[in-house]
Amino acid sequence: MITAIVNVRTDGRRIPEVAQALAELDGVSEVYSVTGDVDLVVMVRVQQHDELADVIAGAVNRVDGVTSTTTNIAFRAYSRHDLETAFSLGFD
């Protein structure tokens, strides 16, 4: 699984509608409304590297209200929750 984190700037008055449209795209697993330099953080998860272009350039960037994006491709995922689950023996 390939994960890309897409930072999205939008027309600030349309954040909820843009977020909903992004969340409905194939390949988008989550959309977060955030504070800071960007308005939304979009998690894209695909099976093949080539699919990133279809989802990000072909769909995310074309959503009405998206003004700019910056994409980071994840090399590795680190999650305390995942590690705890993987090593859990089922005891509380």
PDB file of N, CA and C in Angstrom:
ATOM      1  N   MET A   1       0.847  -1.174   0.000  1.00  0.00           N
ATOM      2  CA  MET A   1       0.000   0.000   0.000  1.00  0.00           C
ATOM      3  C   MET A   1       0.896   1.241   0.000  1.00  0.00           C
ATOM      4  N   ILE A   2       0.612   2.157  -0.877  1.00  0.00           N
ATOM      5  CA  ILE A   2       1.348   3.418  -0.960  1.00  0.00           C
ATOM      6  C   ILE A   2       0.466   4.513  -0.374  1.00  0.00           C
ATOM      7  N   THR A   3       1.045   5.301   0.528  1.00  0.00           N
ATOM      8  CA  THR A   3       0.305   6.374   1.180  1.00  0.00           C
ATOM      9  C   THR A   3       0.910   7.707   0.811  1.00  0.00           C
ATOM     10  N   ALA A   4       0.044   8.646   0.460  1.00  0.00           N
ATOM     11  CA  ALA A   4       0.459  10.018   0.203  1.00  0.00           C
ATOM     12  C   ALA A   4      -0.357  10.930   1.105  1.00  0.00           C
ATOM     13  N   ILE A   5       0.317  11.922   1.668  1.00  0.00           N
ATOM     14  CA  ILE A   5      -0.338  12.925   2.498  1.00  0.00           C
ATOM     15  C   ILE A   5      -0.391  14.192   1.657  1.00  0.00           C
ATOM     16  N   VAL A   6      -1.604  14.648   1.351  1.00  0.00           N
ATOM     17  CA  VAL A   6      -1.783  15.802   0.481  1.00  0.00           C
ATOM     18  C   VAL A   6      -2.302  16.968   1.319  1.00  0.00           C
ATOM     19  N   ASN A   7      -1.507  18.034   1.382  1.00  0.00           N
ATOM     20  CA  ASN A   7      -1.918  19.259   2.061  1.00  0.00           C
ATOM     21  C   ASN A   7      -2.665  20.121   1.054  1.00  0.00           C
ATOM     22  N   VAL A   8      -3.874  20.514   1.408  1.00  0.00           N
ATOM     23  CA  VAL A   8      -4.760  21.200   0.467  1.00  0.00           C
ATOM     24  C   VAL A   8      -5.134  22.584   0.986  1.00  0.00           C
ATOM     25  N   ARG A   9      -4.985  23.564   0.127  1.00  0.00           N
ATOM     26  CA  ARG A   9      -5.505  24.906   0.395  1.00  0.00           C
ATOM     27  C   ARG A   9      -6.791  25.058  -0.399  1.00  0.00           C
ATOM     28  N   THR A  10      -7.771  25.686   0.220  1.00  0.00           N
ATOM     29  CA  THR A  10      -9.081  25.854  -0.412  1.00  0.00           C
ATOM     30  C   THR A  10      -9.555  27.284  -0.259  1.00  0.00           C
ATOM     31  N   ASP A  11     -10.655  27.559  -0.927  1.00  0.00           N
ATOM     32  CA  ASP A  11     -11.403  28.780  -0.651  1.00  0.00           C
ATOM     33  C   ASP A  11     -11.967  28.570   0.757  1.00  0.00           C
ATOM     34  N   GLY A  12     -11.521  29.383   1.713  1.00  0.00           N
ATOM     35  CA  GLY A  12     -11.862  29.181   3.117  1.00  0.00           C
ATOM     36  C   GLY A  12     -13.337  29.117   3.425  1.00  0.00           C
ATOM     37  N   ARG A  13     -14.144  29.727   2.601  1.00  0.00           N
ATOM     38  CA  ARG A  13     -15.595  29.698   2.839  1.00  0.00           C
ATOM     39  C   ARG A  13     -16.219  28.383   2.418  1.00  0.00           C
ATOM     40  N   ARG A  14     -15.460  27.535   1.712  1.00  0.00           N
ATOM     41  CA  ARG A  14     -16.025  26.307   1.168  1.00  0.00           C
ATOM     42  C   ARG A  14     -15.374  25.044   1.724  1.00  0.00           C
ATOM     43  N   ILE A  15     -14.683  25.166   2.835  1.00  0.00           N
ATOM     44  CA  ILE A  15     -13.954  24.011   3.388  1.00  0.00           C
ATOM     45  C   ILE A  15     -14.845  22.784   3.578  1.00  0.00           C
ATOM     46  N   PRO A  16     -16.020  22.889   4.188  1.00  0.00           N
ATOM     47  CA  PRO A  16     -16.827  21.666   4.387  1.00  0.00           C
ATOM     48  C   PRO A  16     -17.225  20.984   3.079  1.00  0.00           C
ATOM     49  N   GLU A  17     -17.624  21.759   2.072  1.00  0.00           N
ATOM     50  CA  GLU A  17     -18.032  21.167   0.804  1.00  0.00           C
ATOM     51  C   GLU A  17     -16.848  20.543   0.070  1.00  0.00           C
ATOM     52  N   VAL A  18     -15.711  21.216   0.097  1.00  0.00           N
ATOM     53  CA  VAL A  18     -14.508  20.691  -0.552  1.00  0.00           C
ATOM     54  C   VAL A  18     -14.071  19.410   0.153  1.00  0.00           C
ATOM     55  N   ALA A  19     -14.079  19.422   1.478  1.00  0.00           N
ATOM     56  CA  ALA A  19     -13.684  18.230   2.243  1.00  0.00           C
ATOM     57  C   ALA A  19     -14.588  17.049   1.912  1.00  0.00           C
ATOM     58  N   GLN A  20     -15.881  17.282   1.815  1.00  0.00           N
ATOM     59  CA  GLN A  20     -16.818  16.199   1.492  1.00  0.00           C
ATOM     60  C   GLN A  20     -16.567  15.657   0.087  1.00  0.00           C
ATOM     61  N   ALA A  21     -16.337  16.549  -0.860  1.00  0.00           N
ATOM     62  CA  ALA A  21     -16.063  16.115  -2.236  1.00  0.00           C
ATOM     63  C   ALA A  21     -14.771  15.296  -2.295  1.00  0.00           C
ATOM     64  N   LEU A  22     -13.759  15.720  -1.566  1.00  0.00           N
ATOM     65  CA  LEU A  22     -12.494  14.982  -1.533  1.00  0.00           C
ATOM     66  C   LEU A  22     -12.671  13.614  -0.887  1.00  0.00           C
ATOM     67  N   ALA A  23     -13.439  13.547   0.191  1.00  0.00           N
ATOM     68  CA  ALA A  23     -13.647  12.287   0.915  1.00  0.00           C
ATOM     69  C   ALA A  23     -14.339  11.242   0.047  1.00  0.00           C
ATOM     70  N   GLU A  24     -15.082  11.675  -0.962  1.00  0.00           N
ATOM     71  CA  GLU A  24     -15.823  10.758  -1.821  1.00  0.00           C
ATOM     72  C   GLU A  24     -14.992  10.209  -2.985  1.00  0.00           C
ATOM     73  N   LEU A  25     -13.771  10.709  -3.157  1.00  0.00           N
ATOM     74  CA  LEU A  25     -12.930  10.263  -4.264  1.00  0.00           C
ATOM     75  C   LEU A  25     -12.350   8.871  -4.008  1.00  0.00           C
ATOM     76  N   ASP A  26     -12.288   8.059  -5.046  1.00  0.00           N
ATOM     77  CA  ASP A  26     -11.627   6.757  -4.949  1.00  0.00           C
ATOM     78  C   ASP A  26     -10.153   6.982  -4.637  1.00  0.00           C
ATOM     79  N   GLY A  27      -9.628   6.247  -3.679  1.00  0.00           N
ATOM     80  CA  GLY A  27      -8.228   6.371  -3.285  1.00  0.00           C
ATOM     81  C   GLY A  27      -8.017   7.276  -2.087  1.00  0.00           C
ATOM     82  N   VAL A  28      -9.015   8.063  -1.731  1.00  0.00           N
ATOM     83  CA  VAL A  28      -8.916   8.934  -0.554  1.00  0.00           C
ATOM     84  C   VAL A  28      -9.484   8.172   0.633  1.00  0.00           C
ATOM     85  N   SER A  29      -8.661   8.004   1.675  1.00  0.00           N
ATOM     86  CA  SER A  29      -9.126   7.250   2.844  1.00  0.00           C
ATOM     87  C   SER A  29      -9.633   8.157   3.958  1.00  0.00           C
ATOM     88  N   GLU A  30      -9.023   9.331   4.114  1.00  0.00           N
ATOM     89  CA  GLU A  30      -9.451  10.268   5.151  1.00  0.00           C
ATOM     90  C   GLU A  30      -9.208  11.691   4.680  1.00  0.00           C
ATOM     91  N   VAL A  31     -10.011  12.609   5.219  1.00  0.00           N
ATOM     92  CA  VAL A  31      -9.810  14.040   5.000  1.00  0.00           C
ATOM     93  C   VAL A  31      -9.948  14.710   6.356  1.00  0.00           C
ATOM     94  N   TYR A  32      -8.950  15.500   6.723  1.00  0.00           N
ATOM     95  CA  TYR A  32      -8.950  16.203   8.003  1.00  0.00           C
ATOM     96  C   TYR A  32      -8.981  17.702   7.768  1.00  0.00           C
ATOM     97  N   SER A  33      -9.852  18.403   8.462  1.00  0.00           N
ATOM     98  CA  SER A  33      -9.831  19.853   8.496  1.00  0.00           C
ATOM     99  C   SER A  33      -8.846  20.234   9.591  1.00  0.00           C
ATOM    100  N   VAL A  34      -7.877  21.088   9.269  1.00  0.00           N
ATOM    101  CA  VAL A  34      -6.785  21.363  10.199  1.00  0.00           C
ATOM    102  C   VAL A  34      -6.535  22.864  10.332  1.00  0.00           C
ATOM    103  N   THR A  35      -5.768  23.219  11.357  1.00  0.00           N
ATOM    104  CA  THR A  35      -5.310  24.587  11.507  1.00  0.00           C
ATOM    105  C   THR A  35      -3.911  24.691  10.922  1.00  0.00           C
ATOM    106  N   GLY A  36      -3.481  25.900  10.645  1.00  0.00           N
ATOM    107  CA  GLY A  36      -2.119  26.089  10.151  1.00  0.00           C
ATOM    108  C   GLY A  36      -2.096  26.653   8.748  1.00  0.00           C
ATOM    109  N   ASP A  37      -1.054  26.304   8.016  1.00  0.00           N
ATOM    110  CA  ASP A  37      -0.836  26.854   6.676  1.00  0.00           C
ATOM    111  C   ASP A  37      -1.764  26.281   5.609  1.00  0.00           C
ATOM    112  N   VAL A  38      -2.368  25.146   5.881  1.00  0.00           N
ATOM    113  CA  VAL A  38      -3.278  24.524   4.920  1.00  0.00           C
ATOM    114  C   VAL A  38      -4.641  24.352   5.574  1.00  0.00           C
ATOM    115  N   ASP A  39      -5.643  24.095   4.754  1.00  0.00           N
ATOM    116  CA  ASP A  39      -7.011  23.947   5.263  1.00  0.00           C
ATOM    117  C   ASP A  39      -7.406  22.500   5.503  1.00  0.00           C
ATOM    118  N   LEU A  40      -6.897  21.608   4.635  1.00  0.00           N
ATOM    119  CA  LEU A  40      -7.259  20.193   4.716  1.00  0.00           C
ATOM    120  C   LEU A  40      -6.023  19.324   4.538  1.00  0.00           C
ATOM    121  N   VAL A  41      -6.030  18.186   5.199  1.00  0.00           N
ATOM    122  CA  VAL A  41      -5.011  17.155   4.975  1.00  0.00           C
ATOM    123  C   VAL A  41      -5.760  15.928   4.466  1.00  0.00           C
ATOM    124  N   VAL A  42      -5.333  15.456   3.302  1.00  0.00           N
ATOM    125  CA  VAL A  42      -6.000  14.343   2.641  1.00  0.00           C
ATOM    126  C   VAL A  42      -5.054  13.146   2.609  1.00  0.00           C
ATOM    127  N   MET A  43      -5.525  12.020   3.113  1.00  0.00           N
ATOM    128  CA  MET A  43      -4.748  10.786   3.088  1.00  0.00           C
ATOM    129  C   MET A  43      -5.181   9.984   1.862  1.00  0.00           C
ATOM    130  N   VAL A  44      -4.213   9.715   0.983  1.00  0.00           N
ATOM    131  CA  VAL A  44      -4.466   8.944  -0.225  1.00  0.00           C
ATOM    132  C   VAL A  44      -3.739   7.620  -0.073  1.00  0.00           C
ATOM    133  N   ARG A  45      -4.451   6.525  -0.299  1.00  0.00           N
ATOM    134  CA  ARG A  45      -3.867   5.195  -0.191  1.00  0.00           C
ATOM    135  C   ARG A  45      -4.208   4.420  -1.461  1.00  0.00           C
ATOM    136  N   VAL A  46      -3.166   3.979  -2.158  1.00  0.00           N
ATOM    137  CA  VAL A  46      -3.336   3.240  -3.413  1.00  0.00           C
ATOM    138  C   VAL A  46      -2.416   2.022  -3.431  1.00  0.00           C
ATOM    139  N   GLN A  47      -2.692   1.099  -4.333  1.00  0.00           N
ATOM    140  CA  GLN A  47      -1.887  -0.120  -4.443  1.00  0.00           C
ATOM    141  C   GLN A  47      -0.625   0.088  -5.274  1.00  0.00           C
ATOM    142  N   GLN A  48      -0.725   0.875  -6.343  1.00  0.00           N
ATOM    143  CA  GLN A  48       0.382   1.072  -7.274  1.00  0.00           C
ATOM    144  C   GLN A  48       0.799   2.536  -7.309  1.00  0.00           C
ATOM    145  N   HIS A  49       2.085   2.770  -7.432  1.00  0.00           N
ATOM    146  CA  HIS A  49       2.621   4.133  -7.475  1.00  0.00           C
ATOM    147  C   HIS A  49       1.967   4.956  -8.579  1.00  0.00           C
ATOM    148  N   ASP A  50       1.740   4.370  -9.738  1.00  0.00           N
ATOM    149  CA  ASP A  50       1.141   5.089 -10.866  1.00  0.00           C
ATOM    150  C   ASP A  50      -0.255   5.622 -10.553  1.00  0.00           C
ATOM    151  N   GLU A  51      -0.953   4.994  -9.627  1.00  0.00           N
ATOM    152  CA  GLU A  51      -2.300   5.431  -9.269  1.00  0.00           C
ATOM    153  C   GLU A  51      -2.298   6.786  -8.568  1.00  0.00           C
ATOM    154  N   LEU A  52      -1.162   7.168  -7.975  1.00  0.00           N
ATOM    155  CA  LEU A  52      -1.088   8.462  -7.295  1.00  0.00           C
ATOM    156  C   LEU A  52      -1.415   9.608  -8.248  1.00  0.00           C
ATOM    157  N   ALA A  53      -0.908   9.553  -9.460  1.00  0.00           N
ATOM    158  CA  ALA A  53      -1.180  10.602 -10.438  1.00  0.00           C
ATOM    159  C   ALA A  53      -2.667  10.677 -10.752  1.00  0.00           C
ATOM    160  N   ASP A  54      -3.304   9.521 -10.884  1.00  0.00           N
ATOM    161  CA  ASP A  54      -4.742   9.510 -11.172  1.00  0.00           C
ATOM    162  C   ASP A  54      -5.537  10.146 -10.048  1.00  0.00           C
ATOM    163  N   VAL A  55      -5.186   9.806  -8.809  1.00  0.00           N
ATOM    164  CA  VAL A  55      -5.956  10.309  -7.669  1.00  0.00           C
ATOM    165  C   VAL A  55      -5.622  11.762  -7.378  1.00  0.00           C
ATOM    166  N   ILE A  56      -4.336  12.095  -7.305  1.00  0.00           N
ATOM    167  CA  ILE A  56      -3.953  13.444  -6.877  1.00  0.00           C
ATOM    168  C   ILE A  56      -4.102  14.458  -8.016  1.00  0.00           C
ATOM    169  N   ALA A  57      -3.356  14.264  -9.082  1.00  0.00           N
ATOM    170  CA  ALA A  57      -3.425  15.218 -10.198  1.00  0.00           C
ATOM    171  C   ALA A  57      -4.743  15.102 -10.958  1.00  0.00           C
ATOM    172  N   GLY A  58      -5.251  13.890 -11.077  1.00  0.00           N
ATOM    173  CA  GLY A  58      -6.451  13.677 -11.863  1.00  0.00           C
ATOM    174  C   GLY A  58      -7.748  13.930 -11.142  1.00  0.00           C
ATOM    175  N   ALA A  59      -7.749  13.889  -9.815  1.00  0.00           N
ATOM    176  CA  ALA A  59      -9.012  14.047  -9.082  1.00  0.00           C
ATOM    177  C   ALA A  59      -8.939  15.109  -7.990  1.00  0.00           C
ATOM    178  N   VAL A  60      -7.997  14.974  -7.056  1.00  0.00           N
ATOM    179  CA  VAL A  60      -7.914  15.920  -5.934  1.00  0.00           C
ATOM    180  C   VAL A  60      -7.750  17.354  -6.439  1.00  0.00           C
ATOM    181  N   ASN A  61      -6.799  17.567  -7.326  1.00  0.00           N
ATOM    182  CA  ASN A  61      -6.530  18.924  -7.819  1.00  0.00           C
ATOM    183  C   ASN A  61      -7.665  19.497  -8.656  1.00  0.00           C
ATOM    184  N   ARG A  62      -8.570  18.659  -9.103  1.00  0.00           N
ATOM    185  CA  ARG A  62      -9.672  19.107  -9.950  1.00  0.00           C
ATOM    186  C   ARG A  62     -10.961  19.385  -9.187  1.00  0.00           C
ATOM    187  N   VAL A  63     -10.963  19.119  -7.896  1.00  0.00           N
ATOM    188  CA  VAL A  63     -12.156  19.406  -7.100  1.00  0.00           C
ATOM    189  C   VAL A  63     -12.343  20.914  -7.038  1.00  0.00           C
ATOM    190  N   ASP A  64     -13.540  21.358  -7.360  1.00  0.00           N
ATOM    191  CA  ASP A  64     -13.854  22.782  -7.335  1.00  0.00           C
ATOM    192  C   ASP A  64     -13.656  23.329  -5.921  1.00  0.00           C
ATOM    193  N   GLY A  65     -12.857  24.368  -5.792  1.00  0.00           N
ATOM    194  CA  GLY A  65     -12.566  24.955  -4.497  1.00  0.00           C
ATOM    195  C   GLY A  65     -11.155  24.675  -4.014  1.00  0.00           C
ATOM    196  N   VAL A  66     -10.483  23.670  -4.590  1.00  0.00           N
ATOM    197  CA  VAL A  66      -9.078  23.403  -4.261  1.00  0.00           C
ATOM    198  C   VAL A  66      -8.237  24.437  -4.990  1.00  0.00           C
ATOM    199  N   THR A  67      -7.437  25.208  -4.234  1.00  0.00           N
ATOM    200  CA  THR A  67      -6.620  26.249  -4.863  1.00  0.00           C
ATOM    201  C   THR A  67      -5.165  25.827  -5.039  1.00  0.00           C
ATOM    202  N   SER A  68      -4.653  24.951  -4.153  1.00  0.00           N
ATOM    203  CA  SER A  68      -3.298  24.430  -4.305  1.00  0.00           C
ATOM    204  C   SER A  68      -3.112  23.208  -3.426  1.00  0.00           C
ATOM    205  N   THR A  69      -2.114  22.396  -3.801  1.00  0.00           N
ATOM    206  CA  THR A  69      -1.800  21.204  -3.016  1.00  0.00           C
ATOM    207  C   THR A  69      -0.294  21.032  -2.922  1.00  0.00           C
ATOM    208  N   THR A  70       0.128  20.350  -1.870  1.00  0.00           N
ATOM    209  CA  THR A  70       1.498  19.885  -1.697  1.00  0.00           C
ATOM    210  C   THR A  70       1.403  18.435  -1.259  1.00  0.00           C
ATOM    211  N   THR A  71       2.157  17.570  -1.901  1.00  0.00           N
ATOM    212  CA  THR A  71       2.053  16.141  -1.636  1.00  0.00           C
ATOM    213  C   THR A  71       3.330  15.591  -1.035  1.00  0.00           C
ATOM    214  N   ASN A  72       3.177  14.779   0.007  1.00  0.00           N
ATOM    215  CA  ASN A  72       4.282  14.039   0.622  1.00  0.00           C
ATOM    216  C   ASN A  72       3.963  12.563   0.502  1.00  0.00           C
ATOM    217  N   ILE A  73       4.906  11.783  -0.007  1.00  0.00           N
ATOM    218  CA  ILE A  73       4.713  10.346  -0.117  1.00  0.00           C
ATOM    219  C   ILE A  73       5.403   9.681   1.069  1.00  0.00           C
ATOM    220  N   ALA A  74       4.667   8.836   1.758  1.00  0.00           N
ATOM    221  CA  ALA A  74       5.190   8.175   2.956  1.00  0.00           C
ATOM    222  C   ALA A  74       6.117   7.031   2.576  1.00  0.00           C
ATOM    223  N   PHE A  75       7.255   6.945   3.252  1.00  0.00           N
ATOM    224  CA  PHE A  75       8.172   5.821   3.087  1.00  0.00           C
ATOM    225  C   PHE A  75       7.789   4.668   3.995  1.00  0.00           C
ATOM    226  N   ARG A  76       7.500   5.000   5.258  1.00  0.00           N
ATOM    227  CA  ARG A  76       7.215   4.014   6.285  1.00  0.00           C
ATOM    228  C   ARG A  76       6.158   4.580   7.219  1.00  0.00           C
ATOM    229  N   ALA A  77       5.381   3.700   7.817  1.00  0.00           N
ATOM    230  CA  ALA A  77       4.381   4.119   8.793  1.00  0.00           C
ATOM    231  C   ALA A  77       4.799   3.642  10.172  1.00  0.00           C
ATOM    232  N   TYR A  78       4.733   4.532  11.123  1.00  0.00           N
ATOM    233  CA  TYR A  78       5.017   4.193  12.517  1.00  0.00           C
ATOM    234  C   TYR A  78       3.777   4.527  13.326  1.00  0.00           C
ATOM    235  N   SER A  79       3.289   3.558  14.071  1.00  0.00           N
ATOM    236  CA  SER A  79       2.097   3.782  14.869  1.00  0.00           C
ATOM    237  C   SER A  79       2.186   2.956  16.139  1.00  0.00           C
ATOM    238  N   ARG A  80       2.099   3.626  17.248  1.00  0.00           N
ATOM    239  CA  ARG A  80       2.124   2.918  18.518  1.00  0.00           C
ATOM    240  C   ARG A  80       0.954   1.951  18.614  1.00  0.00           C
ATOM    241  N   HIS A  81      -0.191   2.379  18.124  1.00  0.00           N
ATOM    242  CA  HIS A  81      -1.384   1.527  18.145  1.00  0.00           C
ATOM    243  C   HIS A  81      -1.140   0.252  17.353  1.00  0.00           C
ATOM    244  N   ASP A  82      -0.595   0.372  16.145  1.00  0.00           N
ATOM    245  CA  ASP A  82      -0.325  -0.804  15.321  1.00  0.00           C
ATOM    246  C   ASP A  82       0.671  -1.741  15.986  1.00  0.00           C
ATOM    247  N   LEU A  83       1.722  -1.187  16.595  1.00  0.00           N
ATOM    248  CA  LEU A  83       2.721  -2.009  17.257  1.00  0.00           C
ATOM    249  C   LEU A  83       2.136  -2.728  18.459  1.00  0.00           C
ATOM    250  N   GLU A  84       1.311  -2.036  19.231  1.00  0.00           N
ATOM    251  CA  GLU A  84       0.704  -2.667  20.394  1.00  0.00           C
ATOM    252  C   GLU A  84      -0.219  -3.808  19.968  1.00  0.00           C
ATOM    253  N   THR A  85      -0.970  -3.601  18.894  1.00  0.00           N
ATOM    254  CA  THR A  85      -1.865  -4.643  18.390  1.00  0.00           C
ATOM    255  C   THR A  85      -1.069  -5.834  17.874  1.00  0.00           C
ATOM    256  N   ALA A  86      -0.014  -5.572  17.150  1.00  0.00           N
ATOM    257  CA  ALA A  86       0.783  -6.650  16.574  1.00  0.00           C
ATOM    258  C   ALA A  86       1.416  -7.536  17.630  1.00  0.00           C
ATOM    259  N   PHE A  87       1.817  -6.960  18.767  1.00  0.00           N
ATOM    260  CA  PHE A  87       2.488  -7.718  19.810  1.00  0.00           C
ATOM    261  C   PHE A  87       1.578  -8.126  20.958  1.00  0.00           C
ATOM    262  N   SER A  88       0.309  -7.833  20.834  1.00  0.00           N
ATOM    263  CA  SER A  88      -0.654  -8.163  21.880  1.00  0.00           C
ATOM    264  C   SER A  88      -0.936  -9.660  21.877  1.00  0.00           C
ATOM    265  N   LEU A  89      -1.023 -10.203  23.063  1.00  0.00           N
ATOM    266  CA  LEU A  89      -1.382 -11.618  23.217  1.00  0.00           C
ATOM    267  C   LEU A  89      -2.847 -11.782  23.559  1.00  0.00           C
ATOM    268  N   GLY A  90      -3.581 -10.680  23.557  1.00  0.00           N
ATOM    269  CA  GLY A  90      -4.994 -10.728  23.860  1.00  0.00           C
ATOM    270  C   GLY A  90      -5.319 -10.569  25.332  1.00  0.00           C
ATOM    271  N   PHE A  91      -4.315 -10.247  26.133  1.00  0.00           N
ATOM    272  CA  PHE A  91      -4.561 -10.030  27.564  1.00  0.00           C
ATOM    273  C   PHE A  91      -4.781  -8.546  27.818  1.00  0.00           C
ATOM    274  N   ASP A  92      -5.638  -8.235  28.776  1.00  0.00           N
ATOM    275  CA  ASP A  92      -5.868  -6.844  29.171  1.00  0.00           C
ATOM    276  C   ASP A  92      -4.786  -6.356  30.105  1.00  0.00           C
TER     277      ASP A  92
END
